[in-house]
Structure formats: C-alpha cells, structure tokens
Amino acid sequence: MSNTSTFSLSQAQALLPRLREQLSKANDELDSISIKIAAASQECEEAELALMAVKTDNGAVADLSALREARQRYESSIDSLTSAKREYLECFERWMVEITECGVILRDIRSGLLDFPAKKGAVDYFLCWRLGERDIDYWHLENDGFQGRRPLAVLDEYF
C-alpha cells in the first residue's frame, strides 16, 4: 500500500455520492447483460438438444438438411453467448477502471465493497464501505479484509 495515495475520512466520505452513482449504474448494466447471458445460455442448450435430436439412436443422420439447420442454430447460439459474455467482461472492466481512478480499491463490484487506503502514523489501514451503507463507519488492517472490519469509533484504540 506504500505506493498508493491515502484518504482522510472526510476525503473518502466526499467521494461516496459519486461512487454510489457509479456502482449503481455499473450493477444496472451488469444485471442487464446477465439477463442476455442467461437467455443466450438457454438458447444454446436448446439448440444443442435440437442438434442431438436430429440424429437417430444409432448415430445416423435421418435428414441432412435438418442437421445443417440444427448445426447452424447451435453455432449461432454459441456466437451469441460468447458475444454476451464478452460484453459483460468489457462492461465490468470499463466500470472497474472508472470507479478506481480516484484511488479506491474495488473489492466487489456487485456488493459495492470498496476500500480507501488510509494511514495513521506509520500504520497503513483501510477505510471500508459498501453499497447500502450511509457513511464510512468501518476500517480494517491490510490483511484483515472485510471479516476484520471494526467500527471507526474504536480506531484510536488500535493506534
């Protein structure tokens, strides 16, 4: 954490309105793309079943044109699923860059879990916040993570 900038509590709190909006928009977009992925995945499964149904029990093809049609549908469904997954990753990466450009550490975009690097004396720690919380009320040491969150009210007791 030594090479990153640090935040005071007031600096971190001042960023919350912008970060709330960004996280909300990011999750809305990711939810929308997730619906596309689910639909494309369902279509892919159905197309695969249709392709398998064209074959007879012993593996012989009963109708070559039906096989071509089923195979084309299956390949098209794979392309659609791949495209939707690519769109999700691109959206995620775009939001990750936008959210973290101010110096915060994005731990989980879906829950909106963020850490703000902070320092007290020689000790590095994180101010910790997640979407749904009104203010930054928690902190943790570098290796403690979310499970080690402590109320800000006890911060001075540790240093």
N, C-alpha and C. Protein backbone atom coordinates (compact mmCIF):
# COMPACT_ATOMS: atom_id res chain seq x y z
N MET A 1 0.82 -1.19 0.00
CA MET A 1 0.00 0.00 0.00
C MET A 1 0.87 1.25 0.00
N SER A 2 2.16 1.12 0.15
CA SER A 2 3.03 2.28 0.28
C SER A 2 3.07 3.16 -0.96
N ASN A 3 2.79 2.64 -2.13
CA ASN A 3 2.84 3.44 -3.36
C ASN A 3 1.51 4.09 -3.72
N THR A 4 0.49 3.87 -2.95
CA THR A 4 -0.82 4.44 -3.27
C THR A 4 -1.07 5.68 -2.43
N SER A 5 -1.94 6.53 -2.95
CA SER A 5 -2.32 7.70 -2.16
C SER A 5 -3.26 7.26 -1.05
N THR A 6 -3.33 8.07 -0.02
CA THR A 6 -4.20 7.74 1.10
C THR A 6 -5.30 8.79 1.23
N PHE A 7 -6.34 8.41 1.94
CA PHE A 7 -7.51 9.26 2.12
C PHE A 7 -7.71 9.56 3.59
N SER A 8 -8.12 10.79 3.87
CA SER A 8 -8.64 11.09 5.20
C SER A 8 -10.10 10.63 5.19
N LEU A 9 -10.70 10.54 6.35
CA LEU A 9 -12.11 10.15 6.41
C LEU A 9 -12.98 11.13 5.64
N SER A 10 -12.73 12.42 5.78
CA SER A 10 -13.56 13.41 5.08
C SER A 10 -13.38 13.34 3.57
N GLN A 11 -12.17 13.07 3.11
CA GLN A 11 -11.94 12.92 1.67
C GLN A 11 -12.69 11.70 1.13
N ALA A 12 -12.63 10.61 1.86
CA ALA A 12 -13.33 9.39 1.44
C ALA A 12 -14.84 9.60 1.45
N GLN A 13 -15.36 10.22 2.50
CA GLN A 13 -16.81 10.48 2.59
C GLN A 13 -17.27 11.35 1.42
N ALA A 14 -16.45 12.32 1.03
CA ALA A 14 -16.81 13.23 -0.06
C ALA A 14 -16.96 12.50 -1.39
N LEU A 15 -16.29 11.38 -1.55
CA LEU A 15 -16.38 10.60 -2.79
C LEU A 15 -17.62 9.70 -2.85
N LEU A 16 -18.26 9.46 -1.72
CA LEU A 16 -19.36 8.50 -1.68
C LEU A 16 -20.51 8.79 -2.65
N PRO A 17 -20.99 10.03 -2.77
CA PRO A 17 -22.09 10.24 -3.73
C PRO A 17 -21.74 9.80 -5.15
N ARG A 18 -20.54 10.16 -5.59
CA ARG A 18 -20.11 9.76 -6.94
C ARG A 18 -19.96 8.25 -7.05
N LEU A 19 -19.35 7.64 -6.04
CA LEU A 19 -19.13 6.19 -6.07
C LEU A 19 -20.45 5.42 -5.99
N ARG A 20 -21.39 5.91 -5.19
CA ARG A 20 -22.72 5.28 -5.13
C ARG A 20 -23.37 5.25 -6.51
N GLU A 21 -23.32 6.40 -7.18
CA GLU A 21 -23.93 6.50 -8.51
C GLU A 21 -23.23 5.58 -9.50
N GLN A 22 -21.91 5.57 -9.49
CA GLN A 22 -21.16 4.71 -10.40
C GLN A 22 -21.46 3.23 -10.14
N LEU A 23 -21.46 2.83 -8.89
CA LEU A 23 -21.73 1.43 -8.56
C LEU A 23 -23.15 1.03 -8.94
N SER A 24 -24.08 1.92 -8.72
CA SER A 24 -25.47 1.64 -9.08
C SER A 24 -25.62 1.47 -10.59
N LYS A 25 -25.03 2.37 -11.35
CA LYS A 25 -25.09 2.27 -12.81
C LYS A 25 -24.37 1.01 -13.30
N ALA A 26 -23.22 0.74 -12.72
CA ALA A 26 -22.46 -0.45 -13.12
C ALA A 26 -23.28 -1.71 -12.89
N ASN A 27 -23.89 -1.82 -11.72
CA ASN A 27 -24.69 -3.01 -11.41
C ASN A 27 -25.93 -3.10 -12.28
N ASP A 28 -26.55 -1.97 -12.61
CA ASP A 28 -27.70 -1.99 -13.53
C ASP A 28 -27.28 -2.54 -14.89
N GLU A 29 -26.15 -2.04 -15.40
CA GLU A 29 -25.66 -2.52 -16.70
C GLU A 29 -25.28 -4.00 -16.64
N LEU A 30 -24.59 -4.39 -15.59
CA LEU A 30 -24.18 -5.79 -15.46
C LEU A 30 -25.40 -6.70 -15.30
N ASP A 31 -26.43 -6.25 -14.58
CA ASP A 31 -27.67 -7.03 -14.46
C ASP A 31 -28.32 -7.23 -15.82
N SER A 32 -28.37 -6.16 -16.61
CA SER A 32 -28.97 -6.23 -17.94
C SER A 32 -28.21 -7.22 -18.83
N ILE A 33 -26.90 -7.17 -18.78
CA ILE A 33 -26.10 -8.09 -19.58
C ILE A 33 -26.22 -9.51 -19.05
N SER A 34 -26.35 -9.68 -17.75
CA SER A 34 -26.53 -11.02 -17.16
C SER A 34 -27.81 -11.67 -17.68
N ILE A 35 -28.84 -10.87 -17.88
CA ILE A 35 -30.09 -11.39 -18.44
C ILE A 35 -29.86 -11.87 -19.87
N LYS A 36 -29.07 -11.11 -20.64
CA LYS A 36 -28.73 -11.54 -22.01
C LYS A 36 -27.95 -12.85 -21.98
N ILE A 37 -27.02 -12.96 -21.03
CA ILE A 37 -26.22 -14.18 -20.93
C ILE A 37 -27.11 -15.38 -20.61
N ALA A 38 -28.03 -15.20 -19.67
CA ALA A 38 -28.93 -16.30 -19.30
C ALA A 38 -29.78 -16.73 -20.49
N ALA A 39 -30.31 -15.75 -21.24
CA ALA A 39 -31.13 -16.08 -22.42
C ALA A 39 -30.29 -16.78 -23.48
N ALA A 40 -29.07 -16.28 -23.71
CA ALA A 40 -28.20 -16.89 -24.71
C ALA A 40 -27.79 -18.30 -24.28
N SER A 41 -27.57 -18.49 -23.00
CA SER A 41 -27.21 -19.81 -22.49
C SER A 41 -28.36 -20.80 -22.66
N GLN A 42 -29.56 -20.33 -22.37
CA GLN A 42 -30.75 -21.18 -22.55
C GLN A 42 -30.92 -21.56 -24.02
N GLU A 43 -30.75 -20.59 -24.91
CA GLU A 43 -30.86 -20.86 -26.35
C GLU A 43 -29.79 -21.85 -26.79
N CYS A 44 -28.61 -21.73 -26.25
CA CYS A 44 -27.52 -22.63 -26.59
C CYS A 44 -27.86 -24.07 -26.17
N GLU A 45 -28.39 -24.22 -24.97
CA GLU A 45 -28.79 -25.55 -24.50
C GLU A 45 -29.89 -26.14 -25.38
N GLU A 46 -30.88 -25.32 -25.71
CA GLU A 46 -31.99 -25.79 -26.56
C GLU A 46 -31.49 -26.15 -27.95
N ALA A 47 -30.59 -25.35 -28.50
CA ALA A 47 -30.04 -25.63 -29.83
C ALA A 47 -29.22 -26.91 -29.82
N GLU A 48 -28.50 -27.15 -28.74
CA GLU A 48 -27.72 -28.38 -28.63
C GLU A 48 -28.65 -29.60 -28.57
N LEU A 49 -29.72 -29.49 -27.80
CA LEU A 49 -30.69 -30.60 -27.74
C LEU A 49 -31.33 -30.84 -29.09
N ALA A 50 -31.65 -29.76 -29.80
CA ALA A 50 -32.25 -29.90 -31.14
C ALA A 50 -31.27 -30.57 -32.10
N LEU A 51 -30.01 -30.22 -31.99
CA LEU A 51 -28.99 -30.83 -32.84
C LEU A 51 -28.87 -32.32 -32.55
N MET A 52 -28.88 -32.68 -31.28
CA MET A 52 -28.78 -34.09 -30.91
C MET A 52 -30.02 -34.87 -31.35
N ALA A 53 -31.17 -34.21 -31.37
CA ALA A 53 -32.41 -34.88 -31.74
C ALA A 53 -32.47 -35.23 -33.23
N VAL A 54 -31.67 -34.54 -34.03
CA VAL A 54 -31.66 -34.81 -35.47
C VAL A 54 -31.08 -36.19 -35.76
N LYS A 55 -30.21 -36.64 -34.90
CA LYS A 55 -29.58 -37.95 -35.10
C LYS A 55 -30.50 -39.06 -34.58
N THR A 56 -30.40 -40.20 -35.20
CA THR A 56 -31.18 -41.35 -34.75
C THR A 56 -30.45 -42.02 -33.59
N ASP A 57 -31.04 -43.05 -33.03
CA ASP A 57 -30.46 -43.73 -31.87
C ASP A 57 -29.07 -44.30 -32.15
N ASN A 58 -28.84 -44.75 -33.36
CA ASN A 58 -27.53 -45.35 -33.65
C ASN A 58 -26.52 -44.33 -34.18
N GLY A 59 -26.87 -43.05 -34.16
CA GLY A 59 -25.95 -42.00 -34.57
C GLY A 59 -26.05 -41.61 -36.02
N ALA A 60 -26.86 -42.31 -36.78
CA ALA A 60 -27.03 -41.97 -38.20
C ALA A 60 -27.91 -40.74 -38.33
N VAL A 61 -27.68 -39.99 -39.39
CA VAL A 61 -28.45 -38.77 -39.63
C VAL A 61 -29.64 -39.11 -40.52
N ALA A 62 -30.82 -38.77 -40.04
CA ALA A 62 -32.03 -39.07 -40.79
C ALA A 62 -32.26 -38.04 -41.90
N ASP A 63 -31.95 -36.79 -41.65
CA ASP A 63 -32.24 -35.71 -42.61
C ASP A 63 -31.07 -34.73 -42.61
N LEU A 64 -30.30 -34.73 -43.71
CA LEU A 64 -29.11 -33.90 -43.79
C LEU A 64 -29.42 -32.41 -43.72
N SER A 65 -30.49 -31.96 -44.34
CA SER A 65 -30.83 -30.53 -44.29
C SER A 65 -31.25 -30.12 -42.87
N ALA A 66 -31.93 -31.02 -42.17
CA ALA A 66 -32.30 -30.73 -40.78
C ALA A 66 -31.05 -30.65 -39.91
N LEU A 67 -30.07 -31.51 -40.20
CA LEU A 67 -28.81 -31.49 -39.46
C LEU A 67 -28.09 -30.16 -39.68
N ARG A 68 -28.01 -29.72 -40.95
CA ARG A 68 -27.36 -28.44 -41.25
C ARG A 68 -28.05 -27.29 -40.52
N GLU A 69 -29.36 -27.30 -40.55
CA GLU A 69 -30.14 -26.25 -39.90
C GLU A 69 -29.91 -26.24 -38.39
N ALA A 70 -29.94 -27.42 -37.80
CA ALA A 70 -29.73 -27.53 -36.35
C ALA A 70 -28.31 -27.12 -35.97
N ARG A 71 -27.35 -27.51 -36.81
CA ARG A 71 -25.96 -27.15 -36.52
C ARG A 71 -25.77 -25.64 -36.64
N GLN A 72 -26.38 -25.03 -37.65
CA GLN A 72 -26.28 -23.58 -37.83
C GLN A 72 -26.90 -22.85 -36.63
N ARG A 73 -28.03 -23.34 -36.16
CA ARG A 73 -28.67 -22.74 -34.98
C ARG A 73 -27.76 -22.85 -33.77
N TYR A 74 -27.16 -24.02 -33.60
CA TYR A 74 -26.27 -24.24 -32.45
C TYR A 74 -25.05 -23.32 -32.52
N GLU A 75 -24.42 -23.24 -33.68
CA GLU A 75 -23.24 -22.37 -33.84
C GLU A 75 -23.61 -20.91 -33.62
N SER A 76 -24.76 -20.51 -34.10
CA SER A 76 -25.23 -19.13 -33.90
C SER A 76 -25.47 -18.85 -32.42
N SER A 77 -26.02 -19.84 -31.71
CA SER A 77 -26.27 -19.65 -30.28
C SER A 77 -24.96 -19.55 -29.49
N ILE A 78 -23.95 -20.30 -29.91
CA ILE A 78 -22.64 -20.20 -29.27
C ILE A 78 -22.05 -18.81 -29.50
N ASP A 79 -22.18 -18.30 -30.73
CA ASP A 79 -21.69 -16.95 -31.03
C ASP A 79 -22.40 -15.90 -30.17
N SER A 80 -23.71 -16.05 -30.01
CA SER A 80 -24.48 -15.10 -29.20
C SER A 80 -24.05 -15.15 -27.73
N LEU A 81 -23.85 -16.34 -27.22
CA LEU A 81 -23.42 -16.50 -25.83
C LEU A 81 -22.02 -15.91 -25.63
N THR A 82 -21.13 -16.19 -26.55
CA THR A 82 -19.77 -15.64 -26.47
C THR A 82 -19.80 -14.12 -26.52
N SER A 83 -20.61 -13.57 -27.38
CA SER A 83 -20.74 -12.12 -27.51
C SER A 83 -21.28 -11.49 -26.22
N ALA A 84 -22.27 -12.11 -25.62
CA ALA A 84 -22.85 -11.59 -24.38
C ALA A 84 -21.84 -11.65 -23.24
N LYS A 85 -21.08 -12.73 -23.17
CA LYS A 85 -20.05 -12.83 -22.12
C LYS A 85 -18.94 -11.81 -22.33
N ARG A 86 -18.57 -11.58 -23.58
CA ARG A 86 -17.56 -10.57 -23.89
C ARG A 86 -18.07 -9.18 -23.49
N GLU A 87 -19.34 -8.91 -23.79
CA GLU A 87 -19.95 -7.63 -23.42
C GLU A 87 -19.92 -7.43 -21.90
N TYR A 88 -20.19 -8.50 -21.16
CA TYR A 88 -20.16 -8.42 -19.69
C TYR A 88 -18.75 -8.06 -19.20
N LEU A 89 -17.75 -8.76 -19.72
CA LEU A 89 -16.37 -8.50 -19.30
C LEU A 89 -15.93 -7.09 -19.64
N GLU A 90 -16.29 -6.63 -20.83
CA GLU A 90 -15.93 -5.27 -21.23
C GLU A 90 -16.61 -4.24 -20.35
N CYS A 91 -17.87 -4.46 -20.02
CA CYS A 91 -18.61 -3.56 -19.13
C CYS A 91 -17.97 -3.56 -17.75
N PHE A 92 -17.67 -4.73 -17.23
CA PHE A 92 -17.04 -4.85 -15.92
C PHE A 92 -15.71 -4.10 -15.88
N GLU A 93 -14.88 -4.33 -16.89
CA GLU A 93 -13.56 -3.69 -16.93
C GLU A 93 -13.69 -2.17 -17.03
N ARG A 94 -14.62 -1.69 -17.84
CA ARG A 94 -14.82 -0.25 -18.00
C ARG A 94 -15.21 0.38 -16.67
N TRP A 95 -16.17 -0.24 -15.98
CA TRP A 95 -16.60 0.31 -14.69
C TRP A 95 -15.51 0.19 -13.63
N MET A 96 -14.75 -0.90 -13.66
CA MET A 96 -13.67 -1.07 -12.70
C MET A 96 -12.66 0.07 -12.83
N VAL A 97 -12.29 0.40 -14.06
CA VAL A 97 -11.35 1.50 -14.29
C VAL A 97 -11.95 2.82 -13.83
N GLU A 98 -13.20 3.07 -14.19
CA GLU A 98 -13.83 4.34 -13.84
C GLU A 98 -13.97 4.51 -12.32
N ILE A 99 -14.36 3.45 -11.65
CA ILE A 99 -14.57 3.52 -10.19
C ILE A 99 -13.25 3.69 -9.45
N THR A 100 -12.21 3.01 -9.90
CA THR A 100 -10.94 3.02 -9.16
C THR A 100 -10.01 4.17 -9.54
N GLU A 101 -10.37 4.96 -10.54
CA GLU A 101 -9.46 6.02 -10.97
C GLU A 101 -9.21 7.07 -9.88
N CYS A 102 -10.08 7.17 -8.90
CA CYS A 102 -9.88 8.14 -7.81
C CYS A 102 -8.97 7.59 -6.72
N GLY A 103 -8.56 6.32 -6.82
CA GLY A 103 -7.63 5.75 -5.85
C GLY A 103 -8.23 4.73 -4.90
N VAL A 104 -9.55 4.50 -4.99
CA VAL A 104 -10.16 3.49 -4.13
C VAL A 104 -9.82 2.10 -4.66
N ILE A 105 -9.97 1.12 -3.81
CA ILE A 105 -9.76 -0.27 -4.20
C ILE A 105 -11.12 -0.94 -4.26
N LEU A 106 -11.47 -1.42 -5.43
CA LEU A 106 -12.75 -2.09 -5.64
C LEU A 106 -12.57 -3.56 -5.29
N ARG A 107 -13.22 -4.00 -4.22
CA ARG A 107 -13.10 -5.39 -3.78
C ARG A 107 -14.18 -6.28 -4.40
N ASP A 108 -15.39 -5.72 -4.57
CA ASP A 108 -16.51 -6.49 -5.13
C ASP A 108 -17.50 -5.51 -5.75
N ILE A 109 -17.61 -5.53 -7.06
CA ILE A 109 -18.48 -4.57 -7.74
C ILE A 109 -19.95 -4.86 -7.46
N ARG A 110 -20.32 -6.12 -7.32
CA ARG A 110 -21.74 -6.46 -7.13
C ARG A 110 -22.26 -5.99 -5.77
N SER A 111 -21.46 -6.12 -4.72
CA SER A 111 -21.89 -5.63 -3.41
C SER A 111 -21.43 -4.19 -3.18
N GLY A 112 -20.63 -3.67 -4.11
CA GLY A 112 -20.12 -2.31 -3.97
C GLY A 112 -19.13 -2.16 -2.85
N LEU A 113 -18.35 -3.19 -2.59
CA LEU A 113 -17.38 -3.16 -1.49
C LEU A 113 -16.12 -2.43 -1.93
N LEU A 114 -15.82 -1.34 -1.21
CA LEU A 114 -14.66 -0.50 -1.52
C LEU A 114 -13.78 -0.32 -0.30
N ASP A 115 -12.48 -0.23 -0.54
CA ASP A 115 -11.52 0.14 0.50
C ASP A 115 -10.84 1.43 0.08
N PHE A 116 -10.66 2.31 1.04
CA PHE A 116 -9.96 3.57 0.84
C PHE A 116 -8.65 3.48 1.62
N PRO A 117 -7.51 3.45 0.95
CA PRO A 117 -6.24 3.40 1.68
C PRO A 117 -6.13 4.60 2.63
N ALA A 118 -5.68 4.34 3.84
CA ALA A 118 -5.53 5.38 4.86
C ALA A 118 -4.28 5.08 5.67
N LYS A 119 -3.86 6.08 6.42
CA LYS A 119 -2.63 5.92 7.20
C LYS A 119 -2.77 6.70 8.49
N LYS A 120 -2.32 6.10 9.57
CA LYS A 120 -2.27 6.79 10.86
C LYS A 120 -0.89 6.54 11.43
N GLY A 121 -0.07 7.59 11.47
CA GLY A 121 1.32 7.41 11.86
C GLY A 121 2.02 6.54 10.83
N ALA A 122 2.63 5.47 11.29
CA ALA A 122 3.32 4.55 10.38
C ALA A 122 2.45 3.37 9.96
N VAL A 123 1.21 3.36 10.43
CA VAL A 123 0.34 2.20 10.19
C VAL A 123 -0.59 2.45 9.00
N ASP A 124 -0.54 1.53 8.04
CA ASP A 124 -1.46 1.56 6.90
C ASP A 124 -2.70 0.76 7.26
N TYR A 125 -3.85 1.28 6.86
CA TYR A 125 -5.11 0.57 7.07
C TYR A 125 -6.07 1.01 5.98
N PHE A 126 -7.27 0.46 5.99
CA PHE A 126 -8.29 0.81 5.00
C PHE A 126 -9.55 1.30 5.68
N LEU A 127 -10.09 2.38 5.17
CA LEU A 127 -11.46 2.76 5.49
C LEU A 127 -12.32 1.88 4.60
N CYS A 128 -13.35 1.30 5.14
CA CYS A 128 -14.11 0.28 4.43
C CYS A 128 -15.58 0.69 4.30
N TRP A 129 -16.12 0.53 3.10
CA TRP A 129 -17.52 0.91 2.84
C TRP A 129 -18.08 0.00 1.77
N ARG A 130 -19.39 -0.22 1.84
CA ARG A 130 -20.05 -0.96 0.76
C ARG A 130 -21.40 -0.34 0.47
N LEU A 131 -21.85 -0.58 -0.73
CA LEU A 131 -23.12 -0.06 -1.22
C LEU A 131 -24.23 -0.43 -0.25
N GLY A 132 -25.05 0.55 0.09
CA GLY A 132 -26.13 0.33 1.05
C GLY A 132 -25.83 0.94 2.41
N GLU A 133 -24.55 1.19 2.67
CA GLU A 133 -24.18 1.86 3.92
C GLU A 133 -24.22 3.36 3.69
N ARG A 134 -24.74 4.08 4.67
CA ARG A 134 -24.90 5.53 4.53
C ARG A 134 -23.55 6.25 4.49
N ASP A 135 -22.70 5.93 5.44
CA ASP A 135 -21.40 6.59 5.58
C ASP A 135 -20.31 5.54 5.74
N ILE A 136 -19.09 6.02 5.75
CA ILE A 136 -17.96 5.13 6.05
C ILE A 136 -17.89 5.02 7.57
N ASP A 137 -18.23 3.86 8.07
CA ASP A 137 -18.27 3.63 9.52
C ASP A 137 -17.29 2.56 9.98
N TYR A 138 -16.52 1.99 9.05
CA TYR A 138 -15.66 0.86 9.40
C TYR A 138 -14.25 1.03 8.83
N TRP A 139 -13.34 0.30 9.42
CA TRP A 139 -11.96 0.25 8.95
C TRP A 139 -11.43 -1.15 9.20
N HIS A 140 -10.32 -1.49 8.56
CA HIS A 140 -9.63 -2.76 8.84
C HIS A 140 -8.17 -2.63 8.45
N LEU A 141 -7.35 -3.47 9.04
CA LEU A 141 -5.93 -3.52 8.69
C LEU A 141 -5.78 -4.17 7.32
N GLU A 142 -4.60 -4.02 6.75
CA GLU A 142 -4.36 -4.51 5.39
C GLU A 142 -4.72 -5.97 5.18
N ASN A 143 -4.36 -6.83 6.10
CA ASN A 143 -4.56 -8.27 5.91
C ASN A 143 -5.84 -8.81 6.53
N ASP A 144 -6.63 -7.95 7.15
CA ASP A 144 -7.85 -8.41 7.82
C ASP A 144 -9.04 -8.55 6.89
N GLY A 145 -9.13 -7.73 5.88
CA GLY A 145 -10.24 -7.81 4.94
C GLY A 145 -11.58 -7.49 5.56
N PHE A 146 -12.62 -7.78 4.81
CA PHE A 146 -13.99 -7.45 5.22
C PHE A 146 -14.35 -8.10 6.56
N GLN A 147 -13.91 -9.32 6.77
CA GLN A 147 -14.23 -10.04 8.01
C GLN A 147 -13.63 -9.36 9.23
N GLY A 148 -12.55 -8.59 9.02
CA GLY A 148 -11.90 -7.93 10.13
C GLY A 148 -12.33 -6.48 10.33
N ARG A 149 -13.43 -6.10 9.72
CA ARG A 149 -13.91 -4.72 9.85
C ARG A 149 -14.19 -4.39 11.31
N ARG A 150 -13.78 -3.19 11.68
CA ARG A 150 -14.03 -2.69 13.03
C ARG A 150 -14.69 -1.32 12.91
N PRO A 151 -15.51 -0.95 13.89
CA PRO A 151 -16.14 0.38 13.85
C PRO A 151 -15.08 1.48 13.94
N LEU A 152 -15.30 2.58 13.22
CA LEU A 152 -14.38 3.71 13.28
C LEU A 152 -14.24 4.25 14.70
N ALA A 153 -15.28 4.08 15.50
CA ALA A 153 -15.26 4.59 16.88
C ALA A 153 -14.11 4.00 17.70
N VAL A 154 -13.61 2.83 17.31
CA VAL A 154 -12.53 2.21 18.07
C VAL A 154 -11.17 2.35 17.39
N LEU A 155 -11.10 3.13 16.31
CA LEU A 155 -9.85 3.28 15.56
C LEU A 155 -8.70 3.77 16.44
N ASP A 156 -8.95 4.78 17.26
CA ASP A 156 -7.89 5.35 18.10
C ASP A 156 -7.36 4.36 19.14
N GLU A 157 -8.17 3.39 19.52
CA GLU A 157 -7.73 2.39 20.49
C GLU A 157 -6.64 1.48 19.92
N TYR A 158 -6.58 1.36 18.60
CA TYR A 158 -5.63 0.46 17.96
C TYR A 158 -4.30 1.13 17.63
N PHE A 159 -4.26 2.47 17.70
CA PHE A 159 -3.03 3.16 17.31
C PHE A 159 -2.56 4.07 18.41
